[in-house]
C-alpha cells in the first residue's frame, strides 16, 4: 500500500478551480423578473385619477382656486364643493369654466331658527345639490335642536370644530352628535373639519408631540367619533399658525428651505393621518383645500394638494385609497340632489 493515500498533497495536481458563476449574476433581471418584483413608485408620482376639492370657501367664481390649483391639478380637476349664502344659491351654476360644481354649502347658525329655515328653503331653489355648513364650539340645547332639524332634511352637514383637544371639546362634540342623532333614521353624512390635522403648537418638537397629552387625547377622541357610522372627516390645511409650504421646484436641491419645510409638515400630518385612517378608514376621509375659518395663515390650494397627497402616499397606501380620499368619497357624499 502506498503511504498517506488520503493526503492533500497526494490529490492536488494544480491550482484549485473556482466554480464558474452564471452571467445572469452580473446583469440586471429580465423584464419578466422585474414585473414580478417592481420597485414601489415614488410618493411624488402617485396621483388620483380625478380630484374633487370639497371645500372651496369665499371664491364663488373660482378665480383664486383656478389660479392656485389649475396648473397643479390640470385635467384631474373633476369638481368642487363651493360655499354660498342662502340668498345666492340660485346664482350658482352647474359648472364654472370647465369645473363641475358638485354641491353648494349654505352656512347655518344652529342657534338661529331663521337661519335654519332660510337654509332649508334654499334646497329647493338651487339647481345643484345643497349641503349645509356650521360651526361647533360647545354643546348647547339649541344647537342640538338645530342640527337635528338640518339632518332631518337628508342633506350633508359640514361642522367646523372651532375648539382644541386640550379642553375636552371633542368629548363635548361626541355628546353633541349623540343627542342630535338619537333615534333618527337614515342619518345623512356629517363631515367634521379642523380635526385632520387638528390645531397644535407648531413650535413643539415632533418628538415631544408624540408623547404630549393632546396627541393621546386626539387618538382616543378620534376613535370615539369614528363609531358614528355617518361621520366623515375633512382633510384641510391645518390651523398651525404658519403658511402651507410652497411646493419645491422640479430639480431643486433636496436640502432647500422649501423641501425641508415640506418634509416637516408631512411628518406631522402623517402623525394625525395614521390614527384617523385606522379609525375611519380611507372611505370616510374627504379632501378640501380652503383653510378652516379660524386659520390666520395663508394656504395655496395647489401647495396643499401636493403636501396632503404625498403625506398619504408616504403611508404606503394603495391607489384605491388615493382615489377615494381625493375624489370618490366627495362624489358619494355631496353628489346627489
Protein backbone atom coordinates (compact mmCIF):
# COMPACT_ATOMS: atom_id res chain seq x y z
CA UNK A 1 0.00 0.00 0.00
CA UNK A 2 1.28 3.50 -0.75
CA UNK A 3 1.91 5.81 2.16
CA UNK A 4 -0.55 8.62 3.00
CA UNK A 5 -3.14 7.70 0.40
CA UNK A 6 -5.60 10.37 1.59
CA UNK A 7 -3.18 13.29 1.94
CA UNK A 8 -3.97 16.64 0.35
CA UNK A 9 -0.57 16.65 -1.28
CA UNK A 10 -1.36 13.41 -2.99
CA UNK A 11 -4.64 14.70 -4.53
CA UNK A 12 -3.76 18.25 -5.66
CA UNK A 13 -2.46 18.33 -9.26
CA UNK A 14 -2.53 22.14 -9.78
CA UNK A 15 -4.32 25.39 -8.75
CA UNK A 16 -7.80 24.90 -7.31
CA UNK A 17 -10.55 25.56 -9.89
CA UNK A 18 -13.19 28.01 -8.59
CA UNK A 19 -16.79 27.43 -9.66
CA UNK A 20 -17.99 29.50 -12.57
CA UNK A 21 -20.91 31.87 -11.83
CA UNK A 22 -23.61 32.30 -14.45
CA UNK A 23 -23.62 35.52 -16.45
CA UNK A 24 -27.06 36.40 -15.04
CA UNK A 25 -25.43 37.25 -11.69
CA UNK A 26 -23.74 40.26 -13.29
CA UNK A 27 -26.68 41.50 -15.41
CA UNK A 28 -29.98 43.14 -14.39
CA UNK A 29 -33.01 40.85 -14.26
CA UNK A 30 -35.02 40.43 -17.42
CA UNK A 31 -38.40 42.15 -17.88
CA UNK A 32 -40.27 39.10 -16.60
CA UNK A 33 -38.44 39.17 -13.28
CA UNK A 34 -38.78 42.94 -12.85
CA UNK A 35 -42.52 42.67 -13.43
CA UNK A 36 -42.76 40.21 -10.56
CA UNK A 37 -40.68 42.37 -8.21
CA UNK A 38 -41.36 46.02 -9.17
CA UNK A 39 -39.94 48.90 -7.22
CA UNK A 40 -42.63 50.88 -5.38
CA UNK A 41 -43.50 54.18 -7.10
CA UNK A 42 -42.26 57.40 -5.60
CA UNK A 43 -44.93 59.14 -3.46
CA UNK A 44 -44.41 62.28 -5.55
CA UNK A 45 -45.57 60.33 -8.61
CA UNK A 46 -48.78 58.92 -7.09
CA UNK A 47 -51.83 60.94 -8.11
CA UNK A 48 -55.57 60.29 -8.01
CA UNK A 49 -57.25 59.75 -11.34
CA UNK A 50 -59.61 62.66 -10.58
CA UNK A 51 -59.73 65.34 -7.88
CA UNK A 52 -62.80 66.82 -6.20
CA UNK A 53 -61.98 69.78 -3.98
CA UNK A 54 -64.77 69.53 -1.42
CA UNK A 55 -64.03 72.75 0.46
CA UNK A 56 -63.73 75.96 -1.59
CA UNK A 57 -64.71 78.92 0.59
CA UNK A 58 -65.04 82.59 -0.30
CA UNK A 59 -64.31 82.16 -4.02
CA UNK A 60 -67.68 81.99 -5.82
CA UNK A 61 -66.21 82.44 -9.29
CA UNK A 62 -63.32 80.03 -8.62
CA UNK A 63 -60.83 82.57 -9.93
CA UNK A 64 -58.44 82.24 -7.00
CA UNK A 65 -58.86 78.47 -6.94
CA UNK A 66 -58.16 78.14 -10.65
CA UNK A 67 -55.05 80.32 -10.38
CA UNK A 68 -53.68 78.28 -7.49
CA UNK A 69 -54.84 74.76 -8.28
CA UNK A 70 -55.41 74.78 -12.03
CA UNK A 71 -51.80 74.29 -13.03
CA UNK A 72 -51.27 71.62 -10.37
CA UNK A 73 -54.42 69.59 -10.93
CA UNK A 74 -54.72 70.08 -14.69
CA UNK A 75 -57.09 67.59 -16.27
CA UNK A 76 -57.53 65.81 -12.91
CA UNK A 77 -59.78 68.64 -11.65
CA UNK A 78 -63.16 66.92 -11.67
CA UNK A 79 -65.32 69.03 -9.39
CA UNK A 80 -65.68 71.35 -6.41
CA UNK A 81 -67.93 71.97 -3.44
CA UNK A 82 -68.33 75.74 -3.03
CA UNK A 83 -69.89 77.93 -0.35
CA UNK A 84 -72.74 80.37 -0.94
CA UNK A 85 -75.19 82.27 1.21
CA UNK A 86 -78.77 81.01 1.11
CA UNK A 87 -80.00 84.01 -0.87
CA UNK A 88 -77.47 83.42 -3.68
CA UNK A 89 -77.74 79.67 -4.29
CA UNK A 90 -79.84 80.26 -7.40
CA UNK A 91 -76.85 82.04 -8.95
CA UNK A 92 -74.50 79.06 -8.55
CA UNK A 93 -74.22 77.24 -11.93
CA UNK A 94 -73.69 73.54 -12.50
CA UNK A 95 -70.29 74.32 -13.97
CA UNK A 96 -67.82 77.16 -13.54
CA UNK A 97 -65.49 77.18 -16.52
CA UNK A 98 -64.71 73.52 -17.10
CA UNK A 99 -65.16 72.56 -13.45
CA UNK A 100 -68.29 70.82 -12.25
CA UNK A 101 -69.96 72.21 -9.12
CA UNK A 102 -70.74 69.09 -7.14
CA UNK A 103 -72.57 70.87 -4.33
CA UNK A 104 -73.09 74.26 -2.74
CA UNK A 105 -72.62 74.62 1.03
CA UNK A 106 -75.01 77.03 2.75
CA UNK A 107 -73.79 78.43 6.10
CA UNK A 108 -76.21 77.97 9.01
CA UNK A 109 -76.30 79.28 12.58
CA UNK A 110 -77.63 76.31 14.53
CA UNK A 111 -78.98 78.50 17.31
CA UNK A 112 -80.89 80.84 14.98
CA UNK A 113 -84.24 79.42 13.79
CA UNK A 114 -84.46 81.99 10.98
CA UNK A 115 -81.04 80.99 9.66
CA UNK A 116 -82.07 77.34 9.72
CA UNK A 117 -85.38 77.86 7.91
CA UNK A 118 -83.74 80.10 5.29
CA UNK A 119 -81.06 77.50 4.59
CA UNK A 120 -83.63 74.70 4.32
CA UNK A 121 -85.70 76.76 1.87
CA UNK A 122 -82.62 77.17 -0.33
CA UNK A 123 -82.56 73.43 -1.08
CA UNK A 124 -85.50 73.68 -3.48
CA UNK A 125 -84.19 76.84 -5.14
CA UNK A 126 -80.78 75.56 -6.21
CA UNK A 127 -80.03 73.78 -9.48
CA UNK A 128 -77.11 71.95 -7.81
CA UNK A 129 -77.27 69.76 -4.68
CA UNK A 130 -77.27 71.76 -1.44
CA UNK A 131 -75.43 70.86 1.73
CA UNK A 132 -75.22 72.80 4.99
CA UNK A 133 -72.21 74.11 6.91
CA UNK A 134 -71.99 75.25 10.50
CA UNK A 135 -69.55 75.54 13.41
CA UNK A 136 -69.22 73.84 16.77
CA UNK A 137 -67.59 75.36 19.84
CA UNK A 138 -69.69 73.82 22.61
CA UNK A 139 -72.78 71.70 23.00
CA UNK A 140 -75.98 73.65 23.70
CA UNK A 141 -79.65 72.59 23.74
CA UNK A 142 -80.49 74.99 20.89
CA UNK A 143 -77.55 73.78 18.84
CA UNK A 144 -78.63 70.16 19.27
CA UNK A 145 -82.18 71.01 18.13
CA UNK A 146 -80.82 72.97 15.16
CA UNK A 147 -78.52 70.19 13.96
CA UNK A 148 -81.30 67.65 14.33
CA UNK A 149 -83.60 69.78 12.18
CA UNK A 150 -80.98 70.01 9.42
CA UNK A 151 -80.26 66.28 9.49
CA UNK A 152 -83.95 65.51 9.10
CA UNK A 153 -83.79 67.15 5.65
CA UNK A 154 -81.45 64.40 4.47
CA UNK A 155 -78.67 66.70 3.27
CA UNK A 156 -74.96 66.54 4.26
CA UNK A 157 -73.90 68.82 7.11
CA UNK A 158 -70.34 70.15 7.45
CA UNK A 159 -69.30 71.02 11.02
CA UNK A 160 -66.16 73.05 11.62
CA UNK A 161 -64.86 72.24 15.09
CA UNK A 162 -63.73 75.57 16.49
CA UNK A 163 -62.03 74.13 19.53
CA UNK A 164 -58.92 72.21 20.51
CA UNK A 165 -58.46 68.87 22.20
CA UNK A 166 -56.81 70.48 25.23
CA UNK A 167 -60.08 71.43 26.95
CA UNK A 168 -62.06 68.28 26.20
CA UNK A 169 -64.07 69.96 23.44
CA UNK A 170 -64.06 66.91 21.20
CA UNK A 171 -65.62 64.97 24.04
CA UNK A 172 -68.33 67.63 24.05
CA UNK A 173 -68.69 67.08 20.32
CA UNK A 174 -69.29 63.38 20.87
CA UNK A 175 -72.14 64.16 23.28
CA UNK A 176 -73.49 66.79 20.89
CA UNK A 177 -73.66 64.34 17.99
CA UNK A 178 -75.14 61.59 20.16
CA UNK A 179 -78.04 63.74 21.27
CA UNK A 180 -78.67 65.30 17.84
CA UNK A 181 -78.81 61.94 16.06
CA UNK A 182 -80.69 59.97 18.72
CA UNK A 183 -83.45 57.85 17.18
CA UNK A 184 -83.01 59.42 13.74
CA UNK A 185 -83.26 57.01 10.84
CA UNK A 186 -81.26 57.39 7.64
CA UNK A 187 -78.81 59.94 9.05
CA UNK A 188 -77.13 61.87 6.21
CA UNK A 189 -73.34 62.41 6.17
CA UNK A 190 -71.88 64.62 8.89
CA UNK A 191 -68.47 65.96 7.84
CA UNK A 192 -66.11 67.24 10.55
CA UNK A 193 -63.35 69.72 9.74
CA UNK A 194 -60.46 71.32 11.61
CA UNK A 195 -59.55 67.97 13.20
CA UNK A 196 -57.45 66.48 10.35
CA UNK A 197 -54.94 67.73 11.12
CA UNK A 198 -56.08 69.40 14.36
CA UNK A 199 -54.70 72.68 15.70
CA UNK A 200 -51.42 72.35 17.57
CA UNK A 201 -48.31 74.31 18.54
CA UNK A 202 -46.04 74.07 15.51
CA UNK A 203 -43.06 75.07 17.67
CA UNK A 204 -43.46 71.92 19.76
CA UNK A 205 -40.75 69.44 18.62
CA UNK A 206 -42.28 66.41 16.96
CA UNK A 207 -40.60 64.03 19.41
CA UNK A 208 -42.40 65.80 22.28
CA UNK A 209 -45.65 65.97 20.35
CA UNK A 210 -45.72 62.17 20.09
CA UNK A 211 -45.94 61.87 23.88
CA UNK A 212 -47.97 65.02 24.54
CA UNK A 213 -51.35 64.70 26.32
CA UNK A 214 -53.10 66.49 23.45
CA UNK A 215 -51.90 63.87 20.97
CA UNK A 216 -53.09 61.00 23.14
CA UNK A 217 -56.42 62.77 23.58
CA UNK A 218 -56.67 63.18 19.81
CA UNK A 219 -56.15 59.46 19.29
CA UNK A 220 -58.79 58.48 21.83
CA UNK A 221 -61.37 61.03 20.67
CA UNK A 222 -60.84 60.16 17.01
CA UNK A 223 -61.58 56.53 17.79
CA UNK A 224 -64.75 57.54 19.67
CA UNK A 225 -66.02 59.77 16.84
CA UNK A 226 -65.44 57.04 14.27
CA UNK A 227 -68.14 54.95 15.97
CA UNK A 228 -70.74 57.25 14.40
CA UNK A 229 -71.18 55.49 11.02
CA UNK A 230 -72.43 58.64 9.26
CA UNK A 231 -69.47 60.82 10.35
CA UNK A 232 -66.72 61.70 7.87
CA UNK A 233 -63.54 63.75 8.34
CA UNK A 234 -62.49 66.54 6.01
CA UNK A 235 -58.77 66.75 5.21
CA UNK A 236 -57.95 70.51 5.19
CA UNK A 237 -54.93 72.80 5.66
CA UNK A 238 -54.27 72.86 9.42
CA UNK A 239 -54.54 75.86 11.72
CA UNK A 240 -50.92 75.76 12.84
CA UNK A 241 -50.18 79.47 12.58
CA UNK A 242 -47.77 79.01 9.67
CA UNK A 243 -48.37 79.14 5.92
CA UNK A 244 -48.66 75.94 3.90
CA UNK A 245 -45.15 75.28 2.48
CA UNK A 246 -44.61 76.01 -1.18
CA UNK A 247 -44.00 73.05 -3.46
CA UNK A 248 -40.27 72.83 -4.32
CA UNK A 249 -39.47 73.44 -7.96
CA UNK A 250 -38.59 70.36 -10.05
CA UNK A 251 -34.89 69.67 -9.77
CA UNK A 252 -34.47 71.78 -6.63
CA UNK A 253 -31.89 70.60 -4.12
CA UNK A 254 -33.34 68.17 -1.59
CA UNK A 255 -31.98 70.31 1.24
CA UNK A 256 -33.60 73.53 0.00
CA UNK A 257 -35.58 75.50 2.58
CA UNK A 258 -38.85 74.65 0.82
CA UNK A 259 -38.01 70.96 0.77
CA UNK A 260 -37.12 70.90 4.48
CA UNK A 261 -40.31 72.71 5.44
CA UNK A 262 -42.47 70.40 3.36
CA UNK A 263 -40.85 67.31 4.89
CA UNK A 264 -41.53 68.65 8.39
CA UNK A 265 -45.18 69.24 7.52
CA UNK A 266 -45.55 65.76 6.07
CA UNK A 267 -44.07 64.16 9.19
CA UNK A 268 -46.57 65.99 11.39
CA UNK A 269 -49.51 65.35 9.07
CA UNK A 270 -48.77 61.61 8.99
CA UNK A 271 -48.88 61.53 12.79
CA UNK A 272 -52.54 62.55 12.59
CA UNK A 273 -53.39 60.69 9.40
CA UNK A 274 -52.41 57.37 10.94
CA UNK A 275 -54.97 57.34 13.79
CA UNK A 276 -57.71 58.80 11.56
CA UNK A 277 -57.19 56.22 8.81
CA UNK A 278 -57.07 53.42 11.37
CA UNK A 279 -60.33 54.60 12.96
CA UNK A 280 -62.35 55.84 9.98
CA UNK A 281 -60.77 54.00 7.06
CA UNK A 282 -59.94 55.82 3.83
CA UNK A 283 -63.60 55.61 2.78
CA UNK A 284 -64.55 58.36 5.24
CA UNK A 285 -61.86 60.99 4.58
CA UNK A 286 -62.59 63.84 2.13
CA UNK A 287 -60.05 66.27 0.63
CA UNK A 288 -60.59 70.03 0.59
CA UNK A 289 -58.26 72.98 0.06
CA UNK A 290 -59.71 76.01 1.89
CA UNK A 291 -58.44 76.55 5.43
CA UNK A 292 -60.82 76.48 8.41
CA UNK A 293 -62.25 79.90 9.27
CA UNK A 294 -60.12 80.09 12.43
CA UNK A 295 -56.86 79.90 10.47
CA UNK A 296 -54.83 83.09 10.15
CA UNK A 297 -52.13 81.61 7.90
CA UNK A 298 -52.06 81.60 4.11
CA UNK A 299 -52.58 78.40 2.16
CA UNK A 300 -52.24 77.93 -1.58
CA UNK A 301 -54.64 75.29 -2.95
CA UNK A 302 -52.06 73.71 -5.22
CA UNK A 303 -49.42 73.55 -2.49
CA UNK A 304 -51.87 71.95 -0.04
CA UNK A 305 -52.88 69.36 -2.65
CA UNK A 306 -49.23 68.36 -3.11
CA UNK A 307 -48.30 68.12 0.57
CA UNK A 308 -51.56 66.39 1.57
CA UNK A 309 -51.34 63.88 -1.28
CA UNK A 310 -47.71 62.98 -0.63
CA UNK A 311 -48.40 62.64 3.10
CA UNK A 312 -50.96 59.91 2.38
CA UNK A 313 -48.86 58.27 -0.34
CA UNK A 314 -45.90 58.01 2.03
CA UNK A 315 -48.01 55.79 4.28
CA UNK A 316 -47.71 53.15 1.56
CA UNK A 317 -51.42 53.03 0.70
CA UNK A 318 -52.94 51.57 -2.48
CA UNK A 319 -54.21 53.63 -5.41
CA UNK A 320 -57.78 52.91 -4.28
CA UNK A 321 -57.17 54.92 -1.10
CA UNK A 322 -55.80 57.93 -3.01
CA UNK A 323 -58.74 57.91 -5.42
CA UNK A 324 -61.25 57.65 -2.58
CA UNK A 325 -59.84 60.46 -0.44
CA UNK A 326 -59.33 62.89 -3.31
CA UNK A 327 -62.45 62.20 -5.36
CA UNK A 328 -64.73 59.22 -4.85
CA UNK A 329 -65.76 59.93 -1.25
CA UNK A 330 -66.77 63.50 -2.06
CA UNK A 331 -68.79 62.35 -5.06
CA UNK A 332 -70.62 59.84 -2.88
CA UNK A 333 -71.34 62.32 -0.07
CA UNK A 334 -72.17 65.51 -1.98
CA UNK A 335 -73.13 64.39 -5.46
CA UNK A 336 -76.83 63.52 -5.10
CA UNK A 337 -79.68 66.02 -5.18
